Every structure is written in C-alpha cells, then in structure tokens.
Protein backbone atom coordinates (compact mmCIF):
# COMPACT_ATOMS: atom_id res chain seq x y z
CA MET A 1 51.61 144.03 39.60
CA LYS A 2 52.42 143.57 43.32
CA GLN A 3 48.71 143.75 44.08
CA MET A 4 48.04 141.16 41.38
CA ALA A 5 50.80 138.95 42.76
CA ARG A 6 49.25 139.13 46.24
CA LEU A 7 45.91 138.18 44.75
CA LEU A 8 47.59 135.30 42.97
CA THR A 9 49.18 134.15 46.23
CA ALA A 10 45.75 134.07 47.86
CA MET A 11 44.40 132.11 44.90
CA ILE A 12 47.16 129.50 45.12
CA ALA A 13 46.08 128.51 48.65
CA VAL A 14 44.18 125.40 47.60
CA CYS A 15 41.73 123.33 49.59
CA SER A 16 43.10 120.72 51.98
CA SER A 17 41.74 117.74 53.94
CA ALA A 18 43.11 115.25 51.40
CA VAL A 19 42.57 111.54 51.84
CA ALA A 20 45.73 109.46 51.40
CA ILE A 21 45.15 106.56 48.99
CA ALA A 22 47.81 103.91 48.49
CA GLU A 23 48.79 103.09 44.92
CA PRO A 24 48.15 99.52 43.74
CA THR A 25 51.07 97.23 43.12
CA PRO A 26 52.02 94.97 40.22
CA PRO A 27 52.36 91.22 40.06
CA SER A 28 55.17 89.45 38.30
CA SER A 29 55.46 90.43 34.66
CA GLY A 30 55.00 88.40 31.54
CA ARG A 31 51.29 87.61 31.81
CA SER A 32 48.31 88.91 29.91
CA VAL A 33 46.68 92.03 31.32
CA ALA A 34 42.92 92.26 31.70
CA GLY A 35 41.65 95.30 29.86
CA GLU A 36 44.71 95.40 27.58
CA TRP A 37 44.40 97.33 24.31
CA ALA A 38 45.09 95.76 20.93
CA MET A 39 48.16 97.63 19.65
CA GLU A 40 50.64 97.66 16.80
CA ALA A 41 54.26 96.75 17.40
CA VAL A 42 57.69 97.76 16.15
CA HIS A 43 60.33 95.03 16.50
CA CYS A 44 63.72 96.73 16.65
CA THR A 45 67.07 95.35 15.56
CA ASP A 46 68.37 95.53 19.13
CA GLY A 47 65.67 93.07 20.25
CA LYS A 48 63.32 95.62 21.80
CA MET A 49 59.61 95.66 20.97
CA LEU A 50 57.74 98.98 21.15
CA ARG A 51 53.93 98.95 21.19
CA GLY A 52 51.47 101.62 20.16
CA LEU A 53 50.19 103.21 16.94
CA ILE A 54 52.45 103.30 13.88
CA GLN A 55 52.08 106.60 12.00
CA GLU A 56 52.46 107.02 8.26
CA PRO A 57 56.20 106.64 7.45
CA ARG A 58 58.26 109.62 6.37
CA GLU A 59 61.52 109.82 4.48
CA GLY A 60 64.08 107.65 6.21
CA GLU A 61 62.07 107.12 9.39
CA LEU A 62 58.70 106.20 10.83
CA GLU A 63 56.92 107.59 13.84
CA LEU A 64 55.36 105.56 16.63
CA VAL A 65 52.89 106.83 19.20
CA GLU A 66 54.16 104.51 21.91
CA VAL A 67 51.63 103.53 24.56
CA VAL A 68 53.41 102.88 27.84
CA ARG A 69 51.33 101.12 30.49
CA PRO A 70 53.52 100.33 33.52
CA GLU A 71 51.94 97.73 35.76
CA GLY A 72 50.04 99.49 38.53
CA LYS A 73 50.92 103.00 37.29
CA PRO A 74 49.19 105.52 35.00
CA MET A 75 49.49 105.14 31.25
CA TYR A 76 51.41 107.71 29.21
CA LEU A 77 52.28 108.30 25.54
CA VAL A 78 55.65 108.85 23.86
CA ILE A 79 55.95 110.21 20.29
CA ARG A 80 58.97 108.22 19.14
CA PRO A 81 60.66 108.75 15.72
CA LEU A 82 62.53 105.64 14.56
CA GLU A 83 65.13 105.45 11.84
CA ARG A 84 64.48 102.72 9.30
CA ASP A 85 67.74 100.91 10.01
CA ARG A 86 66.59 100.37 13.63
CA VAL A 87 63.42 98.57 12.53
CA GLN A 88 63.48 94.84 11.96
CA ARG A 89 59.77 94.37 11.25
CA LEU A 90 56.36 95.96 11.83
CA GLN A 91 53.29 94.30 13.27
CA ARG A 92 50.11 96.04 12.09
CA LEU A 93 46.47 95.83 13.20
CA GLU A 94 43.49 95.15 11.03
CA ALA A 95 41.63 98.26 9.87
CA ASP A 96 38.83 98.10 12.46
CA GLN A 97 41.23 97.47 15.36
CA ARG A 98 43.52 100.26 14.18
CA LYS A 99 40.60 102.68 14.03
CA GLU A 100 39.62 101.72 17.59
CA LEU A 101 43.20 102.26 18.79
CA GLN A 102 43.36 105.67 17.09
CA ALA A 103 40.15 106.70 18.84
CA ARG A 104 41.40 105.52 22.23
CA ILE A 105 44.72 107.35 21.90
CA TYR A 106 42.99 110.54 20.75
CA GLN A 107 40.58 110.36 23.67
CA PHE A 108 43.43 109.74 26.11
CA ARG A 109 45.47 112.70 24.81
CA TYR A 110 42.48 115.02 25.12
CA ARG A 111 40.82 113.30 28.08
CA SER A 112 40.02 116.50 29.98
CA ARG A 113 38.19 117.84 26.93
CA PHE A 114 36.28 114.58 26.50
CA GLU A 115 35.43 114.44 30.21
CA ALA A 116 34.00 117.96 30.05
CA ARG A 117 31.94 117.07 26.99
CA SER A 118 30.64 113.86 28.52
CA MET A 119 29.73 115.65 31.75
CA ASP A 120 27.77 118.25 29.81
CA LYS A 121 25.70 115.68 27.93
CA PHE A 122 23.99 114.24 31.02
CA VAL A 123 20.39 115.42 31.34
CA LEU A 124 19.68 116.38 34.95
CA THR A 125 16.54 117.53 36.70
CA GLN A 126 16.49 119.23 40.08
CA ILE A 127 13.80 118.83 42.70
CA ALA A 128 13.61 120.75 46.00
CA GLY A 129 12.13 119.26 49.14
CA GLN A 130 12.68 118.92 52.90
CA GLY A 131 15.23 121.71 52.98
CA THR A 132 17.51 120.23 50.28
CA LYS A 133 17.77 120.27 46.51
CA ARG A 134 18.56 117.04 44.73
CA TRP A 135 19.68 116.29 41.20
CA PHE A 136 18.15 113.32 39.38
CA TYR A 137 19.52 111.39 36.40
CA THR A 138 18.22 108.42 34.42
CA GLY A 139 20.71 106.45 32.34
CA ARG A 140 20.89 103.15 30.52
CA TRP A 141 22.57 101.23 33.34
CA PHE A 142 21.45 103.04 36.50
CA THR A 143 19.50 105.95 37.92
CA LEU A 144 21.04 108.49 40.28
CA GLU A 145 20.02 111.13 42.76
CA SER A 146 22.46 113.50 44.42
CA GLU A 147 22.38 116.30 46.96
CA ALA A 148 25.87 117.41 45.89
CA ASP A 149 26.38 120.39 43.59
CA GLU A 150 25.82 120.04 39.86
CA GLU A 151 29.50 119.70 38.91
CA PHE A 152 30.21 116.88 41.36
CA THR A 153 26.94 115.16 40.46
CA ARG A 154 27.99 115.15 36.81
CA ARG A 155 31.42 113.79 37.76
CA CYS A 156 29.77 110.98 39.72
CA ILE A 157 27.55 110.10 36.77
CA GLY A 158 30.55 110.10 34.45
CA ARG A 159 32.58 107.84 36.75
CA VAL A 160 29.77 105.33 37.25
CA GLU A 161 28.97 105.29 33.51
CA GLN A 162 32.66 104.75 32.81
CA VAL A 163 33.05 101.90 35.27
CA PHE A 164 29.91 100.14 34.02
CA ARG A 165 31.34 100.25 30.48
CA ALA A 166 34.62 98.87 31.83
CA PHE A 167 32.82 96.04 33.65
CA ARG A 168 31.18 95.07 30.37
CA GLN A 169 34.55 94.69 28.66
CA LEU A 170 35.85 92.31 31.31
CA LEU A 171 32.60 90.56 32.19
CA PRO A 172 30.04 91.04 29.38
CA SER A 173 26.41 91.69 30.17
CA ARG A 174 24.32 88.52 29.90
CA THR A 175 20.83 89.68 30.81
CA SER A 176 18.57 92.74 30.81
CA ALA A 177 17.50 93.75 34.29
CA ALA A 178 13.85 94.47 35.00
CA THR A 179 14.96 97.47 37.05
CA ARG A 180 18.17 99.48 37.13
CA PRO A 181 20.23 99.99 40.30
CA HIS A 182 19.63 103.36 41.94
CA VAL A 183 22.64 105.41 43.14
CA VAL A 184 22.24 107.93 45.97
CA ILE A 185 25.04 110.46 46.61
CA TYR A 186 25.37 112.48 49.83
CA ALA A 187 27.58 115.59 49.87
CA SER A 188 28.71 115.11 53.49
CA MET A 189 29.59 112.13 55.63
CA ASP A 190 27.28 113.46 58.35
CA ALA A 191 24.30 113.19 56.01
CA TYR A 192 25.47 109.76 54.88
CA HIS A 193 25.77 108.47 58.46
CA ARG A 194 22.35 109.92 59.36
CA GLN A 195 20.94 107.82 56.52
CA LEU A 196 22.77 104.75 57.82
CA GLN A 197 21.30 105.30 61.27
CA HIS A 198 17.85 105.72 59.76
CA ILE A 199 18.01 102.29 58.12
CA GLY A 200 19.78 100.67 61.07
CA LEU A 201 23.27 100.12 59.65
CA ALA A 202 26.65 100.82 61.29
CA LEU A 203 29.25 101.02 58.52
CA GLU A 204 32.58 102.79 58.16
CA ASN A 205 32.76 102.37 54.39
CA PRO A 206 31.75 105.46 52.38
CA ALA A 207 29.38 103.41 50.16
CA PHE A 208 27.28 100.25 50.27
CA TYR A 209 24.96 98.27 48.03
CA SER A 210 21.57 97.03 49.24
CA LEU A 211 20.54 93.96 47.28
CA GLN A 212 17.03 94.13 48.69
CA ASP A 213 16.48 97.70 47.47
CA ASN A 214 18.84 97.45 44.47
CA ARG A 215 20.39 100.70 45.73
CA ILE A 216 23.96 102.02 46.00
CA VAL A 217 24.41 104.71 48.66
CA ALA A 218 27.61 106.78 48.87
CA GLY A 219 28.88 109.76 50.83
CA SER A 220 31.87 112.12 50.77
CA ASP A 221 32.96 115.22 52.68
CA LEU A 222 32.56 117.27 49.55
CA ALA A 223 30.26 120.14 50.54
CA ALA A 224 32.86 122.21 52.43
CA PHE A 225 35.57 121.45 49.87
CA ALA A 226 33.29 122.38 46.96
CA GLU A 227 32.56 125.76 48.58
CA ARG A 228 36.27 126.54 48.98
CA LEU A 229 36.94 125.30 45.47
CA ALA A 230 34.28 127.65 44.09
CA GLN A 231 35.88 130.59 45.92
CA THR A 232 39.28 129.65 44.53
CA ARG A 233 37.93 129.43 41.00
CA GLN A 234 36.28 132.82 41.37
CA ARG A 235 39.61 134.34 42.42
CA ASN A 236 41.27 132.61 39.48
CA ALA A 237 38.74 134.17 37.13
CA GLU A 238 39.31 137.61 38.66
CA VAL A 239 43.08 137.33 38.19
CA ARG A 240 42.65 136.22 34.58
CA LEU A 241 40.28 139.13 33.95
CA GLN A 242 42.80 141.59 35.40
CA LEU A 243 45.51 140.11 33.23
CA GLU A 244 43.35 140.50 30.14
CA GLN A 245 42.53 144.10 31.05
CA VAL A 246 46.18 145.00 31.62
CA ASP A 247 47.12 143.27 28.37
CA GLN A 248 44.50 145.26 26.46
CA GLN A 249 45.73 148.50 28.03
CA MET A 250 49.42 147.76 27.42
CA PRO A 251 49.65 149.15 23.85
CA ALA A 252 48.19 152.48 24.98
CA ARG A 253 50.52 152.60 28.00
CA LEU A 254 53.54 151.88 25.83
CA ALA A 255 52.46 154.53 23.34
CA THR A 256 52.23 157.11 26.16
CA ILE A 257 55.70 156.17 27.44
CA ARG A 258 57.06 156.37 23.91
CA GLN A 259 55.74 159.92 23.44
CA GLN A 260 57.16 160.98 26.80
CA LEU A 261 60.60 159.64 25.92
CA LEU A 262 60.60 161.30 22.50
CA HIS A 263 59.46 164.58 24.12
CA GLN A 264 62.45 164.29 26.49
CA GLY A 265 64.76 164.12 23.50
CA VAL A 266 65.58 160.43 23.63
CA SER A 267 66.61 159.16 20.19
CA GLY A 268 64.18 157.05 18.15
CA ALA A 269 66.51 154.04 18.23
CA LEU A 270 66.75 154.08 22.03
CA VAL A 271 62.98 154.56 22.30
CA ARG A 272 62.35 151.52 20.10
CA GLN A 273 64.81 149.50 22.17
CA GLU A 274 63.07 150.60 25.39
CA MET A 275 59.67 149.63 23.98
CA ILE A 276 60.95 146.15 23.12
CA VAL A 277 62.41 145.70 26.62
CA ARG A 278 59.19 146.83 28.32
CA ARG A 279 56.95 144.73 26.07
CA ASN A 280 59.10 141.63 26.62
CA ALA A 281 59.15 142.22 30.36
CA TRP A 282 55.35 142.40 30.45
CA ASN A 283 55.00 139.29 28.29
CA GLU A 284 57.33 137.34 30.59
CA GLU A 285 55.48 138.52 33.70
CA GLN A 286 52.11 137.71 32.14
CA GLN A 287 53.23 134.21 31.11
CA ALA A 288 54.69 133.55 34.57
CA LEU A 289 51.40 134.54 36.20
CA LEU A 290 49.43 132.38 33.78
CA ARG A 291 51.72 129.41 34.47
CA GLU A 292 51.19 129.83 38.22
CA LEU A 293 47.45 130.02 37.65
CA SER A 294 47.55 126.79 35.65
CA VAL A 295 49.62 125.04 38.32
CA ALA A 296 47.17 126.18 41.01
CA GLU A 297 44.19 124.95 39.01
CA ARG A 298 45.82 121.57 38.41
CA THR A 299 46.61 121.34 42.13
CA ASN A 300 42.97 122.03 42.91
CA ASP A 301 41.96 119.20 40.59
CA VAL A 302 44.40 116.86 42.37
CA ARG A 303 43.00 117.86 45.77
CA PHE A 304 39.47 117.31 44.48
CA ALA A 305 40.45 113.81 43.35
CA GLU A 306 42.06 113.06 46.73
CA VAL A 307 38.99 114.18 48.67
CA THR A 308 36.66 112.03 46.56
CA ASN A 309 38.98 109.12 45.74
CA ARG A 310 38.05 106.92 48.69
CA MET A 311 34.37 107.31 47.95
CA PHE A 312 34.84 106.61 44.24
CA ARG A 313 36.90 103.47 44.91
CA ARG A 314 34.22 102.12 47.22
CA LEU A 315 31.58 103.23 44.72
CA TYR A 316 33.30 101.06 42.08
CA HIS A 317 33.21 98.15 44.55
CA GLU A 318 29.49 98.48 45.21
CA ALA A 319 28.75 99.22 41.55
CA PHE A 320 30.30 95.87 40.68
CA HIS A 321 27.92 94.09 43.06
CA ALA A 322 25.02 95.90 41.39
CA TYR A 323 26.31 95.19 37.88
CA LEU A 324 26.82 91.49 38.61
CA GLU A 325 23.33 91.17 40.08
CA ASN A 326 21.47 93.21 37.47
CA HIS A 327 23.31 92.47 34.24
CA VAL A 328 25.40 89.28 34.50
CA TYR A 329 24.50 86.65 37.09
CA PRO A 330 21.27 87.55 38.95
CA ARG A 331 20.53 85.43 41.99
CA ARG A 332 17.25 84.20 40.58
CA ASN A 333 19.17 82.17 37.98
CA TRP A 334 22.73 81.82 39.25
CA SER A 335 24.58 81.09 42.48
CA VAL A 336 27.65 83.32 42.88
CA PRO A 337 29.57 82.35 46.04
CA ARG A 338 30.07 85.19 48.49
CA TRP A 339 33.86 84.83 48.35
CA LEU A 340 33.80 85.28 44.58
CA ASN A 341 31.38 88.22 44.65
CA GLU A 342 33.41 90.09 47.28
CA GLY A 343 36.73 89.05 45.78
CA LEU A 344 35.87 90.33 42.30
CA ALA A 345 34.44 93.56 43.74
CA GLN A 346 37.78 94.20 45.46
CA VAL A 347 39.71 93.41 42.27
CA PHE A 348 37.67 95.91 40.27
CA GLU A 349 37.71 98.45 43.10
CA SER A 350 41.49 98.75 42.84
CA GLY A 351 41.51 98.73 39.03
CA ARG A 352 42.71 101.73 37.05
CA LEU A 353 40.27 103.36 34.66
CA GLU A 354 41.74 104.49 31.33
CA GLY A 355 39.01 105.69 29.00
CA ASP A 356 36.44 102.90 28.84
CA THR A 357 39.03 100.28 29.85
CA LEU A 358 39.53 98.98 33.38
CA ARG A 359 43.05 97.70 34.01
CA ILE A 360 43.40 95.11 36.76
CA ASP A 361 47.07 94.41 36.15
CA ALA A 362 48.19 95.39 39.65
CA PRO A 363 47.08 94.03 43.01
CA ASN A 364 45.73 96.16 45.84
CA GLU A 365 48.78 97.04 47.94
CA LEU A 366 47.10 97.06 51.36
CA VAL A 367 45.12 93.86 50.86
CA LEU A 368 48.13 92.12 49.33
CA ALA A 369 50.28 93.03 52.33
CA SER A 370 47.62 91.70 54.72
CA LEU A 371 47.29 88.47 52.76
CA GLN A 372 51.04 87.94 52.51
CA ARG A 373 51.47 88.42 56.26
CA ASP A 374 48.88 85.73 56.89
CA LEU A 375 50.39 83.36 54.32
CA ARG A 376 53.89 83.79 55.74
CA ALA A 377 52.58 83.13 59.25
CA ARG A 378 51.45 79.72 57.97
CA SER A 379 48.03 80.10 59.58
CA GLN A 380 45.61 77.21 59.57
CA PHE A 381 43.18 79.15 57.38
CA GLY A 382 43.09 77.72 53.87
CA LEU A 383 41.14 77.81 50.64
CA ALA A 384 38.91 74.91 51.73
CA GLU A 385 37.61 77.07 54.58
CA LEU A 386 37.15 80.06 52.28
CA LEU A 387 35.30 78.08 49.60
CA THR A 388 32.85 76.65 52.11
CA SER A 389 32.27 79.88 54.07
CA ASP A 390 28.82 81.44 54.23
CA GLU A 391 27.75 85.09 54.00
CA SER A 392 27.74 85.66 57.77
CA GLU A 393 31.53 85.29 57.84
CA PHE A 394 31.92 88.40 55.68
CA LEU A 395 29.52 90.74 57.48
CA VAL A 396 31.74 92.10 60.25
CA ALA A 397 34.35 93.46 57.83
CA HIS A 398 31.79 95.91 56.49
CA SER A 399 31.90 97.69 59.85
CA GLY A 400 35.70 97.69 59.84
CA THR A 401 36.21 95.22 62.72
CA GLY A 402 36.71 91.50 63.14
CA PHE A 403 39.96 89.79 62.24
CA ALA A 404 38.27 86.66 60.91
CA SER A 405 36.09 88.51 58.44
CA LEU A 406 38.97 90.73 57.31
CA ARG A 407 40.92 87.54 56.62
CA HIS A 408 37.99 86.24 54.55
CA TYR A 409 38.06 89.44 52.49
CA ALA A 410 41.82 89.27 51.97
CA TYR A 411 41.75 85.63 50.86
CA SER A 412 38.69 86.31 48.65
CA TRP A 413 40.53 89.13 46.93
CA GLY A 414 43.68 87.04 46.49
CA LEU A 415 41.85 84.08 44.99
CA ALA A 416 39.69 86.23 42.68
CA TYR A 417 42.74 88.23 41.57
CA TYR A 418 44.65 85.04 40.80
CA LEU A 419 41.77 83.67 38.73
CA CYS A 420 41.50 86.97 36.82
CA TYR A 421 45.18 87.50 36.17
CA HIS A 422 47.22 84.32 36.49
CA GLN A 423 44.61 81.82 35.33
CA PRO A 424 41.94 83.81 33.44
CA LEU A 425 38.60 82.20 34.22
CA LEU A 426 36.21 85.15 34.37
CA ASP A 427 34.12 83.88 31.52
CA GLY A 428 33.61 80.72 29.54
CA GLU A 429 31.74 77.48 30.02
CA ARG A 430 33.66 76.25 33.07
CA PHE A 431 33.02 79.50 34.92
CA GLN A 432 29.29 79.37 34.15
CA GLU A 433 29.21 75.71 35.14
CA TYR A 434 30.75 76.64 38.47
CA LEU A 435 28.05 79.24 39.09
CA ARG A 436 25.13 77.00 38.16
CA ALA A 437 26.41 73.80 39.76
CA GLU A 438 24.73 74.24 43.15
CA ASP A 439 21.85 71.91 42.29
CA ARG A 440 24.26 69.15 41.33
CA PRO A 441 25.52 66.47 43.73
CA LEU A 442 28.97 68.03 44.02
CA ASP A 443 30.24 69.75 47.14
CA LEU A 444 31.69 73.28 47.02
CA ILE A 445 35.29 72.11 46.87
CA ALA A 446 34.66 69.59 44.07
CA ARG A 447 32.92 72.32 42.06
CA PHE A 448 35.93 74.60 42.47
CA GLU A 449 38.27 71.79 41.41
CA GLN A 450 36.28 71.44 38.20
CA LEU A 451 36.64 75.19 37.62
CA VAL A 452 40.44 75.24 37.95
CA GLY A 453 40.99 71.82 36.42
CA MET A 454 42.98 70.27 39.29
CA ARG A 455 42.66 69.04 42.85
CA LEU A 456 42.62 71.69 45.56
CA ASN A 457 45.74 70.28 47.21
CA GLU A 458 47.55 70.85 43.88
CA PHE A 459 46.07 74.27 43.19
CA GLU A 460 46.52 75.86 46.63
CA PRO A 461 50.36 75.69 46.77
CA ARG A 462 50.54 77.31 43.33
CA TRP A 463 48.14 80.03 44.42
CA ARG A 464 50.03 80.69 47.66
CA GLU A 465 53.35 80.92 45.81
CA GLY A 466 51.88 83.27 43.22
CA MET A 467 50.49 85.63 45.85
CA LEU A 468 53.71 85.58 47.89
CA GLN A 469 55.72 86.51 44.79
CA ALA A 470 53.48 89.50 43.96
CA SER A 471 55.43 92.67 44.72
CA THR A 472 55.14 96.43 45.06
CA PRO A 473 56.47 98.64 42.21
CA ARG A 474 59.65 100.52 43.02
C-alpha cells in the first residue's frame, strides 16, 4: 500500500500555469434578472419566500427543491422539507413551465453527465496537412476547425453551442444568415500570434472576430497542459486498476490468513473478529484512496477551466459580435452603434452560463472598478461623447493600450449593462427604431433620447448614480 500511496502522491500533482480570473460583481438587488428561470414559490408564515420546484406533498410536510441564484455567484440547489404550518401559500407554475423547470433542474444536478453526452454527440472529421491535424465541425449556428486535441475541441464546440443558445434567449434570432460564422481554435498562443502576424494584426486578446471574413479566431496555451493532463489521467487509471486488482484478491488473501490463524490454534471467534477488522481496515483504506483520487480529478478539472477561462470569456465576447451580425441585426439592414455592439459584447462576456441560460445579473468587476474611478474623478467625458463616437475610437483598446479607447470600452459596457439590467431595452419596438433610425433626420443623441424616453441631461445623472452604487459581493 505504501507503493500505491506514493503513486497516488505523484498522481495528485496536478497541472499548473493557471490564469487568475476575477469574479463578476452584483448590482443593487430588487430588479429583474436577465436569463431568470420561471419558478414556483413557497410563501412562508415568517414572511420569507422560497423559490424553486415544489415536490409532491407528503404527510404533514412538503418538499421544495430550492433554486438559489446569488447575484454574481454560481447557482446551487437545496432540498428543503417544510412543515405545513410554516407555509402560508403556494405559487405554482403552469404545466408546460413546470415541465421546463423540472428539466432544467435535472440537467443542472447531473450537468457533468449531460456535458459528456453533449460532447459525444458532435460529429467531427479530422484532416491532416502542413504538419498538423485539424478537427472540423459543422453545426447549425457556426462551423469550427481546431488544431487542439479531440477532447478540448469538443469542449469548445459545446461552449459555443451553449452560448449561442443563451444569446437567443436574451436577444432572439431575427434573420437567417446566408453563411455561418467560422470559428478557428489554436492550441497554443504561439500559433495564435503567428496567425495574427500573418494577417497583420497586433492583438493581446486571446480571440477576435473578423467581420470581413465572418471568422472568430481564438488561442489558448492548452497543448502543454493537455499533455500533462493526459499523463495524470493515465496515472489515475493505473491507480484505480491496482485498487480493483487488490480488491479482487482480498477475499483469497483473507481466506489464507484465516487458515493460518486456525492452524496456529486461534479460536474461531477470534479469527472471525480478526477477519472483520482486516476487511474493515482495507475498506477504509480503499475508500480514502478513492476519495483522494476524486479530489485530484476535480482539481484537474478546475485547473483546466482556469487555463482556458480567459480564452472562453473572450470567445463569448467575439461570438456575440458574430451572432449579432449573422442572426439578429446584420449591417446590411441595421445600424448598430459601435458603443452598443462593444458594450453588449462585454455584458455577455462576463455573464454566467447555467445550462442554456446566460445570467447577466452581475457586472464585470474590473470594468466596473475602472468606470467608477472615472466617474468619481468627475472627468469631462460624458455620454454625449460616447454616443457620437466612431469606430476608430475603439480600435486601440483591442491591442491593450490607449487610455481614451479603454475609457470608451468602460463607458460602453456601463451604458449597455444599465440598459440590460436597470432599464430593460434589449428588444421591442423602441430598440429596433433606435437601430434603424440612421436615415432619419435625427442626430445620434436625439435618437438615444427616444430610446430611453427622456432627455440625455435627465438620463445621465440617473445612469451615473446607478453605476456608482453597483457593488462587489462580499
């Protein structure tokens, strides 16, 4: 067992080089949340309201699968039994909504199983050429090619499919694109930057969207990590195999020890007691080793997420640009201001995916902090300047430099977030009127005033106050 423990210790050494990603932060409470599920409610006699799925009542009590969605934090479930005398009234869903909620909760509880199934269903083809092998995928919303390994390629497909479904819930598809956006995944940042040099771009972001080519290109330092992860998994499998072999051999070993003890004249009662002690000791040791294996495997999954998280977040950002152009407001028919396009992309980039729902109930912590610093400094930059800015004023931020362009991005995010969360205007006639109004004799500021239903000098103080009050979760 010492040898097995040493092997386990080697296995537990997980891959490093994690990328630190800041958690998003919530706004003030009490407002509707984009991407919120329709849920049932239990109104308690103490004034509390618990939301989730009400199970069939039992004698003297009912059971609630409570869905807890803290602003800016992961969702979790609580199975909560409630005595009847605590319940004031129940608020039920219609049959079709209840069925949808049941499916969502089931999928959330068994999300790893569903993710594995969904990853397996993607049909991939592999083509070799120029010293590399690439995977190719054709889906409903996009096509994809990847030089990463098969597992990561499937994860990428699953994430992009998931985020496109989430976009549709918040901003429904309005048109069928003649072509689908094409996603290209590089398994190393070196390969990604070589591609950038080839096309004459100098970007620090791990992904970008080319409107001209209708192409999303992304890169991540995955190749070296994936190799170490494969070695770790192989060691895991070897440890599990050894455990299974020892477990299969254990009855025969115990039988041999039993015969030896009886041959030495030990009484039957003491022999039986010794067999119980030895069997329990092995079971405890086996379970401890299996628990350590499970912890190590979960840690590996966390490290994998950290290594790829920055790329995925930027991939969501660029995927939104592609989705908006191909499926909602293409430039040939609509005029989406650059501030709005970039602002919404940042809002969705920092959203939290839960199943096929994208929650945007918490602001991006880093961008919020930057915006609040500027607002508190009482700079001369205001919404009038943002609303009338052209595309050139956003370009420098894509290379990671230029205070003015970074300010444009921060204000774009803040205004788009406010319109999504505090004053929902993502869809509807006024929003469409704002996007098609370019040919009308109204200037950019007057068009925006029509969208929000008030003069800019009335709207801006409310917006500034709302963004200054947004806070980080404790």
